[in-house]
Amino acid sequence: MQAGSICFLTVLREVNPLAKPNFQFQKRQKELEKKRKQEEKRQRKLEKTPERPAMNPDEPLPPPGEVPPA
């Protein structure tokens, strides 16, 4: 730095001695990250679970406790 030059940060500190953190921005970023993680988790669950065959509405339902034929 040259003698007599003014540092931008020095000027900024003189104008606003204590810069406040932007909590709304931080909160929004945290919410977006949480949603992204939930979506990734949902996608992983969908990939794991096997697809069930569609039920025929004309076919009667099996009695409770009985496994339907494949």
N, C-alpha and C. Protein backbone atom coordinates (compact mmCIF):
# COMPACT_ATOMS: atom_id res chain seq x y z
N MET A 1 0.83 -1.17 0.00
CA MET A 1 0.00 0.00 0.00
C MET A 1 0.88 1.24 0.00
N GLN A 2 0.47 2.22 -0.70
CA GLN A 2 1.23 3.46 -0.76
C GLN A 2 0.86 4.36 0.42
N ALA A 3 1.81 5.17 0.80
CA ALA A 3 1.54 6.13 1.88
C ALA A 3 0.51 7.14 1.37
N GLY A 4 -0.48 7.42 2.16
CA GLY A 4 -1.49 8.39 1.77
C GLY A 4 -2.69 7.78 1.06
N SER A 5 -2.60 6.51 0.65
CA SER A 5 -3.77 5.89 0.01
C SER A 5 -4.75 5.44 1.10
N ILE A 6 -6.02 5.46 0.75
CA ILE A 6 -7.05 5.09 1.72
C ILE A 6 -7.57 3.70 1.36
N CYS A 7 -7.55 2.85 2.33
CA CYS A 7 -8.05 1.49 2.15
C CYS A 7 -9.58 1.51 2.15
N PHE A 8 -10.19 0.77 1.24
CA PHE A 8 -11.65 0.73 1.14
C PHE A 8 -12.27 0.22 2.44
N LEU A 9 -11.68 -0.79 3.04
CA LEU A 9 -12.24 -1.34 4.28
C LEU A 9 -12.19 -0.33 5.41
N THR A 10 -11.15 0.48 5.45
CA THR A 10 -11.05 1.50 6.48
C THR A 10 -12.19 2.50 6.33
N VAL A 11 -12.46 2.91 5.10
CA VAL A 11 -13.56 3.84 4.85
C VAL A 11 -14.88 3.19 5.21
N LEU A 12 -15.05 1.95 4.85
CA LEU A 12 -16.28 1.23 5.14
C LEU A 12 -16.51 1.13 6.65
N ARG A 13 -15.47 0.86 7.40
CA ARG A 13 -15.60 0.75 8.86
C ARG A 13 -15.94 2.09 9.48
N GLU A 14 -15.44 3.17 8.91
CA GLU A 14 -15.74 4.49 9.44
C GLU A 14 -17.19 4.85 9.19
N VAL A 15 -17.73 4.45 8.06
CA VAL A 15 -19.11 4.75 7.72
C VAL A 15 -20.06 3.87 8.53
N ASN A 16 -19.77 2.58 8.60
CA ASN A 16 -20.61 1.63 9.32
C ASN A 16 -19.70 0.80 10.22
N PRO A 17 -19.51 1.22 11.46
CA PRO A 17 -18.53 0.54 12.32
C PRO A 17 -18.85 -0.94 12.56
N LEU A 18 -20.11 -1.30 12.70
CA LEU A 18 -20.47 -2.70 12.92
C LEU A 18 -21.47 -3.14 11.86
N ALA A 19 -21.00 -3.86 10.89
CA ALA A 19 -21.89 -4.37 9.86
C ALA A 19 -22.72 -5.49 10.46
N LYS A 20 -24.01 -5.46 10.21
CA LYS A 20 -24.91 -6.47 10.76
C LYS A 20 -25.00 -7.65 9.80
N PRO A 21 -25.02 -8.87 10.33
CA PRO A 21 -25.20 -10.02 9.45
C PRO A 21 -26.63 -10.07 8.92
N ASN A 22 -26.76 -10.58 7.70
CA ASN A 22 -28.07 -10.67 7.06
C ASN A 22 -28.69 -12.03 7.45
N PHE A 23 -29.44 -12.03 8.55
CA PHE A 23 -30.01 -13.27 9.05
C PHE A 23 -31.08 -13.84 8.13
N GLN A 24 -31.81 -12.98 7.45
CA GLN A 24 -32.85 -13.47 6.54
C GLN A 24 -32.23 -14.26 5.39
N PHE A 25 -31.13 -13.76 4.86
CA PHE A 25 -30.44 -14.47 3.78
C PHE A 25 -29.92 -15.82 4.28
N GLN A 26 -29.31 -15.82 5.47
CA GLN A 26 -28.78 -17.06 6.03
C GLN A 26 -29.90 -18.06 6.28
N LYS A 27 -31.03 -17.58 6.79
CA LYS A 27 -32.16 -18.47 7.06
C LYS A 27 -32.69 -19.06 5.76
N ARG A 28 -32.81 -18.23 4.73
CA ARG A 28 -33.32 -18.71 3.43
C ARG A 28 -32.38 -19.76 2.84
N GLN A 29 -31.08 -19.52 2.94
CA GLN A 29 -30.11 -20.48 2.42
C GLN A 29 -30.22 -21.81 3.18
N LYS A 30 -30.41 -21.74 4.49
CA LYS A 30 -30.56 -22.95 5.31
C LYS A 30 -31.82 -23.71 4.91
N GLU A 31 -32.93 -22.97 4.68
CA GLU A 31 -34.18 -23.61 4.26
C GLU A 31 -34.03 -24.28 2.90
N LEU A 32 -33.36 -23.61 1.96
CA LEU A 32 -33.16 -24.18 0.63
C LEU A 32 -32.31 -25.45 0.70
N GLU A 33 -31.29 -25.43 1.53
CA GLU A 33 -30.43 -26.61 1.71
C GLU A 33 -31.23 -27.77 2.31
N LYS A 34 -32.09 -27.46 3.27
CA LYS A 34 -32.93 -28.48 3.91
C LYS A 34 -33.89 -29.10 2.88
N LYS A 35 -34.51 -28.26 2.05
CA LYS A 35 -35.42 -28.77 1.02
C LYS A 35 -34.68 -29.64 0.01
N ARG A 36 -33.47 -29.21 -0.36
CA ARG A 36 -32.67 -29.97 -1.32
C ARG A 36 -32.34 -31.35 -0.76
N LYS A 37 -31.96 -31.41 0.51
CA LYS A 37 -31.63 -32.69 1.14
C LYS A 37 -32.87 -33.58 1.24
N GLN A 38 -34.02 -32.99 1.58
CA GLN A 38 -35.25 -33.78 1.66
C GLN A 38 -35.61 -34.35 0.30
N GLU A 39 -35.45 -33.56 -0.75
CA GLU A 39 -35.75 -34.03 -2.11
C GLU A 39 -34.81 -35.17 -2.51
N GLU A 40 -33.52 -35.04 -2.18
CA GLU A 40 -32.57 -36.11 -2.48
C GLU A 40 -32.95 -37.38 -1.73
N LYS A 41 -33.34 -37.25 -0.48
CA LYS A 41 -33.74 -38.41 0.33
C LYS A 41 -34.99 -39.07 -0.28
N ARG A 42 -35.94 -38.24 -0.72
CA ARG A 42 -37.17 -38.78 -1.33
C ARG A 42 -36.84 -39.53 -2.61
N GLN A 43 -35.92 -38.99 -3.41
CA GLN A 43 -35.51 -39.66 -4.65
C GLN A 43 -34.84 -40.99 -4.36
N ARG A 44 -33.99 -41.03 -3.33
CA ARG A 44 -33.32 -42.30 -2.97
C ARG A 44 -34.34 -43.34 -2.53
N LYS A 45 -35.36 -42.91 -1.77
CA LYS A 45 -36.39 -43.84 -1.32
C LYS A 45 -37.18 -44.39 -2.51
N LEU A 46 -37.49 -43.52 -3.47
CA LEU A 46 -38.23 -43.96 -4.65
C LEU A 46 -37.43 -44.97 -5.46
N GLU A 47 -36.11 -44.78 -5.53
CA GLU A 47 -35.27 -45.71 -6.27
C GLU A 47 -35.19 -47.06 -5.57
N LYS A 48 -35.25 -47.07 -4.24
CA LYS A 48 -35.15 -48.32 -3.47
C LYS A 48 -36.41 -49.16 -3.55
N THR A 49 -37.57 -48.53 -3.42
CA THR A 49 -38.82 -49.28 -3.35
C THR A 49 -39.21 -49.84 -4.71
N PRO A 50 -39.53 -51.13 -4.78
CA PRO A 50 -39.97 -51.71 -6.05
C PRO A 50 -41.38 -51.20 -6.38
N GLU A 51 -41.64 -51.06 -7.65
CA GLU A 51 -42.96 -50.60 -8.08
C GLU A 51 -43.96 -51.74 -7.92
N ARG A 52 -45.12 -51.41 -7.41
CA ARG A 52 -46.17 -52.41 -7.23
C ARG A 52 -47.02 -52.47 -8.50
N PRO A 53 -47.46 -53.66 -8.87
CA PRO A 53 -48.32 -53.74 -10.05
C PRO A 53 -49.66 -53.05 -9.77
N ALA A 54 -50.24 -52.50 -10.80
CA ALA A 54 -51.52 -51.80 -10.65
C ALA A 54 -52.61 -52.82 -10.31
N MET A 55 -53.48 -52.44 -9.40
CA MET A 55 -54.58 -53.32 -9.00
C MET A 55 -55.69 -53.23 -10.05
N ASN A 56 -56.25 -54.37 -10.37
CA ASN A 56 -57.38 -54.42 -11.29
C ASN A 56 -58.64 -54.13 -10.47
N PRO A 57 -59.41 -53.09 -10.80
CA PRO A 57 -60.59 -52.76 -9.99
C PRO A 57 -61.68 -53.84 -10.05
N ASP A 58 -61.66 -54.69 -11.08
CA ASP A 58 -62.67 -55.75 -11.17
C ASP A 58 -62.31 -56.94 -10.30
N GLU A 59 -61.06 -57.04 -9.91
CA GLU A 59 -60.59 -58.17 -9.11
C GLU A 59 -60.97 -57.96 -7.64
N PRO A 60 -61.55 -58.98 -6.98
CA PRO A 60 -61.93 -58.81 -5.57
C PRO A 60 -60.68 -58.72 -4.69
N LEU A 61 -60.78 -57.98 -3.60
CA LEU A 61 -59.67 -57.84 -2.66
C LEU A 61 -59.53 -59.11 -1.84
N PRO A 62 -58.31 -59.54 -1.54
CA PRO A 62 -58.11 -60.74 -0.71
C PRO A 62 -58.52 -60.43 0.73
N PRO A 63 -58.90 -61.46 1.49
CA PRO A 63 -59.25 -61.26 2.89
C PRO A 63 -58.03 -60.72 3.67
N PRO A 64 -58.26 -59.98 4.74
CA PRO A 64 -57.15 -59.44 5.51
C PRO A 64 -56.24 -60.54 6.04
N GLY A 65 -54.95 -60.34 6.00
CA GLY A 65 -54.00 -61.31 6.50
C GLY A 65 -53.58 -62.34 5.46
N GLU A 66 -54.21 -62.33 4.30
CA GLU A 66 -53.88 -63.29 3.25
C GLU A 66 -53.06 -62.58 2.18
N VAL A 67 -52.00 -63.24 1.70
CA VAL A 67 -51.15 -62.67 0.69
C VAL A 67 -51.77 -62.93 -0.68
N PRO A 68 -51.93 -61.87 -1.51
CA PRO A 68 -52.54 -62.10 -2.83
C PRO A 68 -51.55 -62.83 -3.75
N PRO A 69 -52.05 -63.65 -4.67
CA PRO A 69 -51.16 -64.35 -5.60
C PRO A 69 -50.44 -63.36 -6.51
N ALA A 70 -49.22 -63.69 -6.86
CA ALA A 70 -48.41 -62.79 -7.69
C ALA A 70 -48.73 -62.90 -9.15
